[in-house]
Amino acid sequence: MAQSLVPHLVNDKGVDRIKIGVKEFQCMGAAPPHDHPHVYLDMGDETQIVCPYCSTLFLHDHALKATESDPPSCVYVATSPPGAPAA
């Protein structure tokens, strides 16, 4: 499965807020199979946004790269299941 250009974020830890290095992303709620509908969120000129499905508050942090989050591991990276052919 190819990784999307728009970062996908998950809140498997169940925290109230996640700092991220992007202003446009998709919130999944949790990693599959426990994800909610993947909703595209765009902060625009703001520095924060709340997911309408899981109520996670996302805060933009200029110090973080697009592949980073605080807490760590909230940027979802799709992986192939064992035995699946590589993309």
PDB file of N, CA and C in Angstrom:
ATOM      1  N   MET A   1       0.856  -1.166   0.000  1.00  0.00           N
ATOM      2  CA  MET A   1       0.000   0.000   0.000  1.00  0.00           C
ATOM      3  C   MET A   1       0.904   1.232   0.000  1.00  0.00           C
ATOM      4  N   ALA A   2       0.672   2.149  -0.887  1.00  0.00           N
ATOM      5  CA  ALA A   2       1.468   3.364  -0.976  1.00  0.00           C
ATOM      6  C   ALA A   2       1.063   4.341   0.122  1.00  0.00           C
ATOM      7  N   GLN A   3       2.057   5.017   0.667  1.00  0.00           N
ATOM      8  CA  GLN A   3       1.784   6.013   1.697  1.00  0.00           C
ATOM      9  C   GLN A   3       1.253   7.278   1.033  1.00  0.00           C
ATOM     10  N   SER A   4       0.231   7.862   1.590  1.00  0.00           N
ATOM     11  CA  SER A   4      -0.387   9.064   1.059  1.00  0.00           C
ATOM     12  C   SER A   4       0.502  10.277   1.295  1.00  0.00           C
ATOM     13  N   LEU A   5       0.360  11.314   0.447  1.00  0.00           N
ATOM     14  CA  LEU A   5       1.089  12.553   0.643  1.00  0.00           C
ATOM     15  C   LEU A   5       0.530  13.346   1.808  1.00  0.00           C
ATOM     16  N   VAL A   6      -0.741  13.170   2.124  1.00  0.00           N
ATOM     17  CA  VAL A   6      -1.365  13.834   3.256  1.00  0.00           C
ATOM     18  C   VAL A   6      -1.181  12.927   4.478  1.00  0.00           C
ATOM     19  N   PRO A   7      -0.502  13.412   5.525  1.00  0.00           N
ATOM     20  CA  PRO A   7      -0.289  12.557   6.698  1.00  0.00           C
ATOM     21  C   PRO A   7      -1.601  12.090   7.318  1.00  0.00           C
ATOM     22  N   HIS A   8      -1.598  10.867   7.791  1.00  0.00           N
ATOM     23  CA  HIS A   8      -2.730  10.301   8.516  1.00  0.00           C
ATOM     24  C   HIS A   8      -2.311  10.216   9.984  1.00  0.00           C
ATOM     25  N   LEU A   9      -3.176  10.673  10.871  1.00  0.00           N
ATOM     26  CA  LEU A   9      -2.839  10.694  12.289  1.00  0.00           C
ATOM     27  C   LEU A   9      -3.793   9.819  13.080  1.00  0.00           C
ATOM     28  N   VAL A  10      -3.248   9.177  14.103  1.00  0.00           N
ATOM     29  CA  VAL A  10      -4.032   8.300  14.978  1.00  0.00           C
ATOM     30  C   VAL A  10      -3.802   8.700  16.430  1.00  0.00           C
ATOM     31  N   ASN A  11      -4.766   8.377  17.258  1.00  0.00           N
ATOM     32  CA  ASN A  11      -4.668   8.671  18.685  1.00  0.00           C
ATOM     33  C   ASN A  11      -4.893   7.377  19.463  1.00  0.00           C
ATOM     34  N   ASP A  12      -4.053   6.388  19.213  1.00  0.00           N
ATOM     35  CA  ASP A  12      -4.171   5.102  19.896  1.00  0.00           C
ATOM     36  C   ASP A  12      -3.940   5.225  21.403  1.00  0.00           C
ATOM     37  N   LYS A  13      -3.207   6.255  21.812  1.00  0.00           N
ATOM     38  CA  LYS A  13      -2.914   6.446  23.232  1.00  0.00           C
ATOM     39  C   LYS A  13      -4.070   7.113  23.978  1.00  0.00           C
ATOM     40  N   GLY A  14      -5.022   7.689  23.240  1.00  0.00           N
ATOM     41  CA  GLY A  14      -6.188   8.316  23.866  1.00  0.00           C
ATOM     42  C   GLY A  14      -5.879   9.626  24.578  1.00  0.00           C
ATOM     43  N   VAL A  15      -4.889  10.375  24.082  1.00  0.00           N
ATOM     44  CA  VAL A  15      -4.540  11.651  24.698  1.00  0.00           C
ATOM     45  C   VAL A  15      -5.532  12.734  24.267  1.00  0.00           C
ATOM     46  N   ASP A  16      -5.598  13.826  25.037  1.00  0.00           N
ATOM     47  CA  ASP A  16      -6.517  14.925  24.732  1.00  0.00           C
ATOM     48  C   ASP A  16      -6.035  15.781  23.571  1.00  0.00           C
ATOM     49  N   ARG A  17      -4.702  15.920  23.435  1.00  0.00           N
ATOM     50  CA  ARG A  17      -4.143  16.788  22.396  1.00  0.00           C
ATOM     51  C   ARG A  17      -2.882  16.176  21.811  1.00  0.00           C
ATOM     52  N   ILE A  18      -2.677  16.474  20.532  1.00  0.00           N
ATOM     53  CA  ILE A  18      -1.509  15.983  19.810  1.00  0.00           C
ATOM     54  C   ILE A  18      -0.886  17.161  19.076  1.00  0.00           C
ATOM     55  N   LYS A  19       0.407  17.375  19.284  1.00  0.00           N
ATOM     56  CA  LYS A  19       1.138  18.397  18.542  1.00  0.00           C
ATOM     57  C   LYS A  19       1.633  17.769  17.247  1.00  0.00           C
ATOM     58  N   ILE A  20       1.460  18.493  16.129  1.00  0.00           N
ATOM     59  CA  ILE A  20       1.845  17.963  14.826  1.00  0.00           C
ATOM     60  C   ILE A  20       2.568  19.036  14.016  1.00  0.00           C
ATOM     61  N   GLY A  21       3.328  18.604  13.027  1.00  0.00           N
ATOM     62  CA  GLY A  21       4.109  19.517  12.205  1.00  0.00           C
ATOM     63  C   GLY A  21       3.447  19.907  10.902  1.00  0.00           C
ATOM     64  N   VAL A  22       2.181  19.598  10.729  1.00  0.00           N
ATOM     65  CA  VAL A  22       1.443  19.933   9.506  1.00  0.00           C
ATOM     66  C   VAL A  22       0.133  20.616   9.868  1.00  0.00           C
ATOM     67  N   LYS A  23      -0.443  21.316   8.892  1.00  0.00           N
ATOM     68  CA  LYS A  23      -1.738  21.961   9.110  1.00  0.00           C
ATOM     69  C   LYS A  23      -2.853  21.278   8.320  1.00  0.00           C
ATOM     70  N   GLU A  24      -2.496  20.388   7.409  1.00  0.00           N
ATOM     71  CA  GLU A  24      -3.466  19.619   6.623  1.00  0.00           C
ATOM     72  C   GLU A  24      -3.158  18.143   6.816  1.00  0.00           C
ATOM     73  N   PHE A  25      -4.174  17.380   7.182  1.00  0.00           N
ATOM     74  CA  PHE A  25      -3.953  15.970   7.493  1.00  0.00           C
ATOM     75  C   PHE A  25      -5.287  15.244   7.527  1.00  0.00           C
ATOM     76  N   GLN A  26      -5.224  13.918   7.691  1.00  0.00           N
ATOM     77  CA  GLN A  26      -6.431  13.122   7.904  1.00  0.00           C
ATOM     78  C   GLN A  26      -6.352  12.504   9.286  1.00  0.00           C
ATOM     79  N   CYS A  27      -7.423  12.637  10.039  1.00  0.00           N
ATOM     80  CA  CYS A  27      -7.516  11.971  11.335  1.00  0.00           C
ATOM     81  C   CYS A  27      -8.238  10.643  11.123  1.00  0.00           C
ATOM     82  N   MET A  28      -7.648   9.584  11.690  1.00  0.00           N
ATOM     83  CA  MET A  28      -8.224   8.241  11.601  1.00  0.00           C
ATOM     84  C   MET A  28      -8.828   7.801  12.930  1.00  0.00           C
ATOM     85  N   GLY A  29      -8.565   8.562  13.989  1.00  0.00           N
ATOM     86  CA  GLY A  29      -9.025   8.180  15.322  1.00  0.00           C
ATOM     87  C   GLY A  29      -8.084   7.177  15.954  1.00  0.00           C
ATOM     88  N   ALA A  30      -8.060   5.985  15.434  1.00  0.00           N
ATOM     89  CA  ALA A  30      -7.178   4.915  15.910  1.00  0.00           C
ATOM     90  C   ALA A  30      -6.702   4.130  14.689  1.00  0.00           C
ATOM     91  N   ALA A  31      -5.696   3.313  14.913  1.00  0.00           N
ATOM     92  CA  ALA A  31      -5.187   2.484  13.823  1.00  0.00           C
ATOM     93  C   ALA A  31      -6.230   1.432  13.450  1.00  0.00           C
ATOM     94  N   PRO A  32      -6.288   1.038  12.165  1.00  0.00           N
ATOM     95  CA  PRO A  32      -7.218  -0.008  11.742  1.00  0.00           C
ATOM     96  C   PRO A  32      -6.990  -1.282  12.553  1.00  0.00           C
ATOM     97  N   PRO A  33      -8.010  -2.002  12.880  1.00  0.00           N
ATOM     98  CA  PRO A  33      -9.387  -1.916  12.396  1.00  0.00           C
ATOM     99  C   PRO A  33     -10.292  -1.059  13.288  1.00  0.00           C
ATOM    100  N   HIS A  34      -9.722  -0.295  14.207  1.00  0.00           N
ATOM    101  CA  HIS A  34     -10.522   0.483  15.152  1.00  0.00           C
ATOM    102  C   HIS A  34     -10.649   1.955  14.752  1.00  0.00           C
ATOM    103  N   ASP A  35     -10.359   2.268  13.502  1.00  0.00           N
ATOM    104  CA  ASP A  35     -10.392   3.644  13.029  1.00  0.00           C
ATOM    105  C   ASP A  35     -11.818   4.137  12.807  1.00  0.00           C
ATOM    106  N   HIS A  36     -11.972   5.474  12.874  1.00  0.00           N
ATOM    107  CA  HIS A  36     -13.246   6.089  12.507  1.00  0.00           C
ATOM    108  C   HIS A  36     -13.124   6.535  11.048  1.00  0.00           C
ATOM    109  N   PRO A  37     -14.189   7.018  10.423  1.00  0.00           N
ATOM    110  CA  PRO A  37     -14.049   7.496   9.041  1.00  0.00           C
ATOM    111  C   PRO A  37     -12.892   8.489   8.955  1.00  0.00           C
ATOM    112  N   HIS A  38     -12.057   8.331   7.953  1.00  0.00           N
ATOM    113  CA  HIS A  38     -10.884   9.188   7.791  1.00  0.00           C
ATOM    114  C   HIS A  38     -11.346  10.559   7.318  1.00  0.00           C
ATOM    115  N   VAL A  39     -11.196  11.554   8.183  1.00  0.00           N
ATOM    116  CA  VAL A  39     -11.688  12.889   7.897  1.00  0.00           C
ATOM    117  C   VAL A  39     -10.503  13.819   7.617  1.00  0.00           C
ATOM    118  N   TYR A  40     -10.611  14.561   6.512  1.00  0.00           N
ATOM    119  CA  TYR A  40      -9.582  15.521   6.128  1.00  0.00           C
ATOM    120  C   TYR A  40      -9.785  16.795   6.932  1.00  0.00           C
ATOM    121  N   LEU A  41      -8.730  17.247   7.595  1.00  0.00           N
ATOM    122  CA  LEU A  41      -8.803  18.462   8.397  1.00  0.00           C
ATOM    123  C   LEU A  41      -7.758  19.459   7.910  1.00  0.00           C
ATOM    124  N   ASP A  42      -8.130  20.715   7.853  1.00  0.00           N
ATOM    125  CA  ASP A  42      -7.250  21.790   7.396  1.00  0.00           C
ATOM    126  C   ASP A  42      -7.361  22.935   8.391  1.00  0.00           C
ATOM    127  N   MET A  43      -6.266  23.282   9.061  1.00  0.00           N
ATOM    128  CA  MET A  43      -6.258  24.357  10.052  1.00  0.00           C
ATOM    129  C   MET A  43      -6.331  25.744   9.419  1.00  0.00           C
ATOM    130  N   GLY A  44      -5.984  25.853   8.143  1.00  0.00           N
ATOM    131  CA  GLY A  44      -5.976  27.160   7.501  1.00  0.00           C
ATOM    132  C   GLY A  44      -5.022  28.093   8.217  1.00  0.00           C
ATOM    133  N   ASP A  45      -5.485  29.283   8.613  1.00  0.00           N
ATOM    134  CA  ASP A  45      -4.651  30.256   9.310  1.00  0.00           C
ATOM    135  C   ASP A  45      -4.579  30.011  10.815  1.00  0.00           C
ATOM    136  N   GLU A  46      -5.363  29.075  11.304  1.00  0.00           N
ATOM    137  CA  GLU A  46      -5.392  28.782  12.741  1.00  0.00           C
ATOM    138  C   GLU A  46      -4.209  27.878  13.126  1.00  0.00           C
ATOM    139  N   THR A  47      -4.014  27.676  14.422  1.00  0.00           N
ATOM    140  CA  THR A  47      -2.936  26.812  14.909  1.00  0.00           C
ATOM    141  C   THR A  47      -3.467  25.573  15.613  1.00  0.00           C
ATOM    142  N   GLN A  48      -4.788  25.392  15.581  1.00  0.00           N
ATOM    143  CA  GLN A  48      -5.370  24.206  16.205  1.00  0.00           C
ATOM    144  C   GLN A  48      -6.690  23.854  15.540  1.00  0.00           C
ATOM    145  N   ILE A  49      -7.070  22.577  15.696  1.00  0.00           N
ATOM    146  CA  ILE A  49      -8.346  22.100  15.161  1.00  0.00           C
ATOM    147  C   ILE A  49      -8.759  20.858  15.955  1.00  0.00           C
ATOM    148  N   VAL A  50     -10.067  20.650  16.093  1.00  0.00           N
ATOM    149  CA  VAL A  50     -10.602  19.495  16.807  1.00  0.00           C
ATOM    150  C   VAL A  50     -11.236  18.551  15.800  1.00  0.00           C
ATOM    151  N   CYS A  51     -10.934  17.260  15.914  1.00  0.00           N
ATOM    152  CA  CYS A  51     -11.549  16.262  15.036  1.00  0.00           C
ATOM    153  C   CYS A  51     -13.019  16.111  15.426  1.00  0.00           C
ATOM    154  N   PRO A  52     -13.936  16.220  14.462  1.00  0.00           N
ATOM    155  CA  PRO A  52     -15.364  16.102  14.781  1.00  0.00           C
ATOM    156  C   PRO A  52     -15.798  14.685  15.175  1.00  0.00           C
ATOM    157  N   TYR A  53     -14.974  13.680  14.893  1.00  0.00           N
ATOM    158  CA  TYR A  53     -15.333  12.299  15.239  1.00  0.00           C
ATOM    159  C   TYR A  53     -14.823  11.892  16.620  1.00  0.00           C
ATOM    160  N   CYS A  54     -13.519  12.134  16.884  1.00  0.00           N
ATOM    161  CA  CYS A  54     -12.935  11.630  18.128  1.00  0.00           C
ATOM    162  C   CYS A  54     -12.620  12.725  19.144  1.00  0.00           C
ATOM    163  N   SER A  55     -12.848  13.982  18.768  1.00  0.00           N
ATOM    164  CA  SER A  55     -12.636  15.140  19.642  1.00  0.00           C
ATOM    165  C   SER A  55     -11.184  15.355  20.064  1.00  0.00           C
ATOM    166  N   THR A  56     -10.244  14.773  19.338  1.00  0.00           N
ATOM    167  CA  THR A  56      -8.832  15.032  19.616  1.00  0.00           C
ATOM    168  C   THR A  56      -8.491  16.450  19.168  1.00  0.00           C
ATOM    169  N   LEU A  57      -7.787  17.176  20.014  1.00  0.00           N
ATOM    170  CA  LEU A  57      -7.324  18.518  19.683  1.00  0.00           C
ATOM    171  C   LEU A  57      -5.941  18.392  19.052  1.00  0.00           C
ATOM    172  N   PHE A  58      -5.796  18.900  17.836  1.00  0.00           N
ATOM    173  CA  PHE A  58      -4.512  18.903  17.137  1.00  0.00           C
ATOM    174  C   PHE A  58      -3.949  20.314  17.164  1.00  0.00           C
ATOM    175  N   LEU A  59      -2.693  20.438  17.599  1.00  0.00           N
ATOM    176  CA  LEU A  59      -2.015  21.722  17.699  1.00  0.00           C
ATOM    177  C   LEU A  59      -0.829  21.747  16.747  1.00  0.00           C
ATOM    178  N   HIS A  60      -0.739  22.781  15.922  1.00  0.00           N
ATOM    179  CA  HIS A  60       0.395  22.894  15.004  1.00  0.00           C
ATOM    180  C   HIS A  60       1.618  23.374  15.774  1.00  0.00           C
ATOM    181  N   ASP A  61       2.749  22.682  15.556  1.00  0.00           N
ATOM    182  CA  ASP A  61       4.016  23.022  16.200  1.00  0.00           C
ATOM    183  C   ASP A  61       5.072  23.151  15.108  1.00  0.00           C
ATOM    184  N   HIS A  62       5.554  24.380  14.880  1.00  0.00           N
ATOM    185  CA  HIS A  62       6.535  24.634  13.824  1.00  0.00           C
ATOM    186  C   HIS A  62       7.830  23.840  14.013  1.00  0.00           C
ATOM    187  N   ALA A  63       8.125  23.429  15.228  1.00  0.00           N
ATOM    188  CA  ALA A  63       9.367  22.707  15.506  1.00  0.00           C
ATOM    189  C   ALA A  63       9.320  21.254  15.030  1.00  0.00           C
ATOM    190  N   LEU A  64       8.127  20.746  14.728  1.00  0.00           N
ATOM    191  CA  LEU A  64       7.983  19.352  14.306  1.00  0.00           C
ATOM    192  C   LEU A  64       7.960  19.229  12.793  1.00  0.00           C
ATOM    193  N   LYS A  65       8.534  18.149  12.279  1.00  0.00           N
ATOM    194  CA  LYS A  65       8.478  17.843  10.845  1.00  0.00           C
ATOM    195  C   LYS A  65       7.121  17.208  10.530  1.00  0.00           C
ATOM    196  N   ALA A  66       6.813  17.088   9.250  1.00  0.00           N
ATOM    197  CA  ALA A  66       5.539  16.492   8.819  1.00  0.00           C
ATOM    198  C   ALA A  66       5.416  15.039   9.272  1.00  0.00           C
ATOM    199  N   THR A  67       6.527  14.394   9.538  1.00  0.00           N
ATOM    200  CA  THR A  67       6.527  12.984   9.940  1.00  0.00           C
ATOM    201  C   THR A  67       6.641  12.816  11.453  1.00  0.00           C
ATOM    202  N   GLU A  68       6.488  13.907  12.208  1.00  0.00           N
ATOM    203  CA  GLU A  68       6.645  13.855  13.659  1.00  0.00           C
ATOM    204  C   GLU A  68       5.379  14.309  14.381  1.00  0.00           C
ATOM    205  N   SER A  69       5.215  13.821  15.591  1.00  0.00           N
ATOM    206  CA  SER A  69       4.110  14.230  16.446  1.00  0.00           C
ATOM    207  C   SER A  69       4.558  14.149  17.901  1.00  0.00           C
ATOM    208  N   ASP A  70       3.830  14.823  18.761  1.00  0.00           N
ATOM    209  CA  ASP A  70       4.081  14.758  20.193  1.00  0.00           C
ATOM    210  C   ASP A  70       2.731  14.574  20.873  1.00  0.00           C
ATOM    211  N   PRO A  71       2.448  13.398  21.429  1.00  0.00           N
ATOM    212  CA  PRO A  71       3.366  12.302  21.669  1.00  0.00           C
ATOM    213  C   PRO A  71       3.786  11.605  20.378  1.00  0.00           C
ATOM    214  N   PRO A  72       4.959  10.953  20.434  1.00  0.00           N
ATOM    215  CA  PRO A  72       5.461  10.239  19.248  1.00  0.00           C
ATOM    216  C   PRO A  72       4.502   9.128  18.810  1.00  0.00           C
ATOM    217  N   SER A  73       4.662   8.691  17.606  1.00  0.00           N
ATOM    218  CA  SER A  73       3.920   7.547  17.047  1.00  0.00           C
ATOM    219  C   SER A  73       2.457   7.833  16.731  1.00  0.00           C
ATOM    220  N   CYS A  74       2.063   9.100  16.595  1.00  0.00           N
ATOM    221  CA  CYS A  74       0.686   9.405  16.200  1.00  0.00           C
ATOM    222  C   CYS A  74       0.553   9.572  14.692  1.00  0.00           C
ATOM    223  N   VAL A  75       1.678   9.679  13.976  1.00  0.00           N
ATOM    224  CA  VAL A  75       1.647   9.726  12.509  1.00  0.00           C
ATOM    225  C   VAL A  75       1.575   8.282  12.038  1.00  0.00           C
ATOM    226  N   TYR A  76       0.473   7.936  11.376  1.00  0.00           N
ATOM    227  CA  TYR A  76       0.235   6.562  10.936  1.00  0.00           C
ATOM    228  C   TYR A  76       1.012   6.260   9.663  1.00  0.00           C
ATOM    229  N   VAL A  77       1.730   5.153   9.682  1.00  0.00           N
ATOM    230  CA  VAL A  77       2.459   4.690   8.504  1.00  0.00           C
ATOM    231  C   VAL A  77       1.887   3.335   8.121  1.00  0.00           C
ATOM    232  N   ALA A  78       1.292   3.272   6.930  1.00  0.00           N
ATOM    233  CA  ALA A  78       0.693   2.019   6.458  1.00  0.00           C
ATOM    234  C   ALA A  78       1.787   1.000   6.201  1.00  0.00           C
ATOM    235  N   THR A  79       1.544  -0.217   6.623  1.00  0.00           N
ATOM    236  CA  THR A  79       2.470  -1.320   6.376  1.00  0.00           C
ATOM    237  C   THR A  79       1.711  -2.447   5.720  1.00  0.00           C
ATOM    238  N   SER A  80       2.421  -3.246   4.956  1.00  0.00           N
ATOM    239  CA  SER A  80       1.797  -4.390   4.294  1.00  0.00           C
ATOM    240  C   SER A  80       1.660  -5.530   5.301  1.00  0.00           C
ATOM    241  N   PRO A  81       0.548  -6.264   5.251  1.00  0.00           N
ATOM    242  CA  PRO A  81       0.405  -7.415   6.128  1.00  0.00           C
ATOM    243  C   PRO A  81       1.445  -8.482   5.768  1.00  0.00           C
ATOM    244  N   PRO A  82       1.799  -9.326   6.723  1.00  0.00           N
ATOM    245  CA  PRO A  82       2.782 -10.393   6.448  1.00  0.00           C
ATOM    246  C   PRO A  82       2.350 -11.226   5.239  1.00  0.00           C
ATOM    247  N   GLY A  83       3.296 -11.480   4.343  1.00  0.00           N
ATOM    248  CA  GLY A  83       3.024 -12.296   3.177  1.00  0.00           C
ATOM    249  C   GLY A  83       2.460 -11.537   1.995  1.00  0.00           C
ATOM    250  N   ALA A  84       2.121 -10.273   2.166  1.00  0.00           N
ATOM    251  CA  ALA A  84       1.563  -9.475   1.068  1.00  0.00           C
ATOM    252  C   ALA A  84       2.700  -9.005   0.167  1.00  0.00           C
ATOM    253  N   PRO A  85       2.439  -8.895  -1.137  1.00  0.00           N
ATOM    254  CA  PRO A  85       3.488  -8.416  -2.046  1.00  0.00           C
ATOM    255  C   PRO A  85       3.796  -6.952  -1.761  1.00  0.00           C
ATOM    256  N   ALA A  86       5.049  -6.574  -1.939  1.00  0.00           N
ATOM    257  CA  ALA A  86       5.464  -5.175  -1.733  1.00  0.00           C
ATOM    258  C   ALA A  86       4.849  -4.299  -2.805  1.00  0.00           C
ATOM    259  N   ALA A  87       4.562  -3.058  -2.436  1.00  0.00           N
ATOM    260  CA  ALA A  87       3.945  -2.117  -3.376  1.00  0.00           C
ATOM    261  C   ALA A  87       4.939  -1.628  -4.394  1.00  0.00           C
TER     262      ALA A  87
END
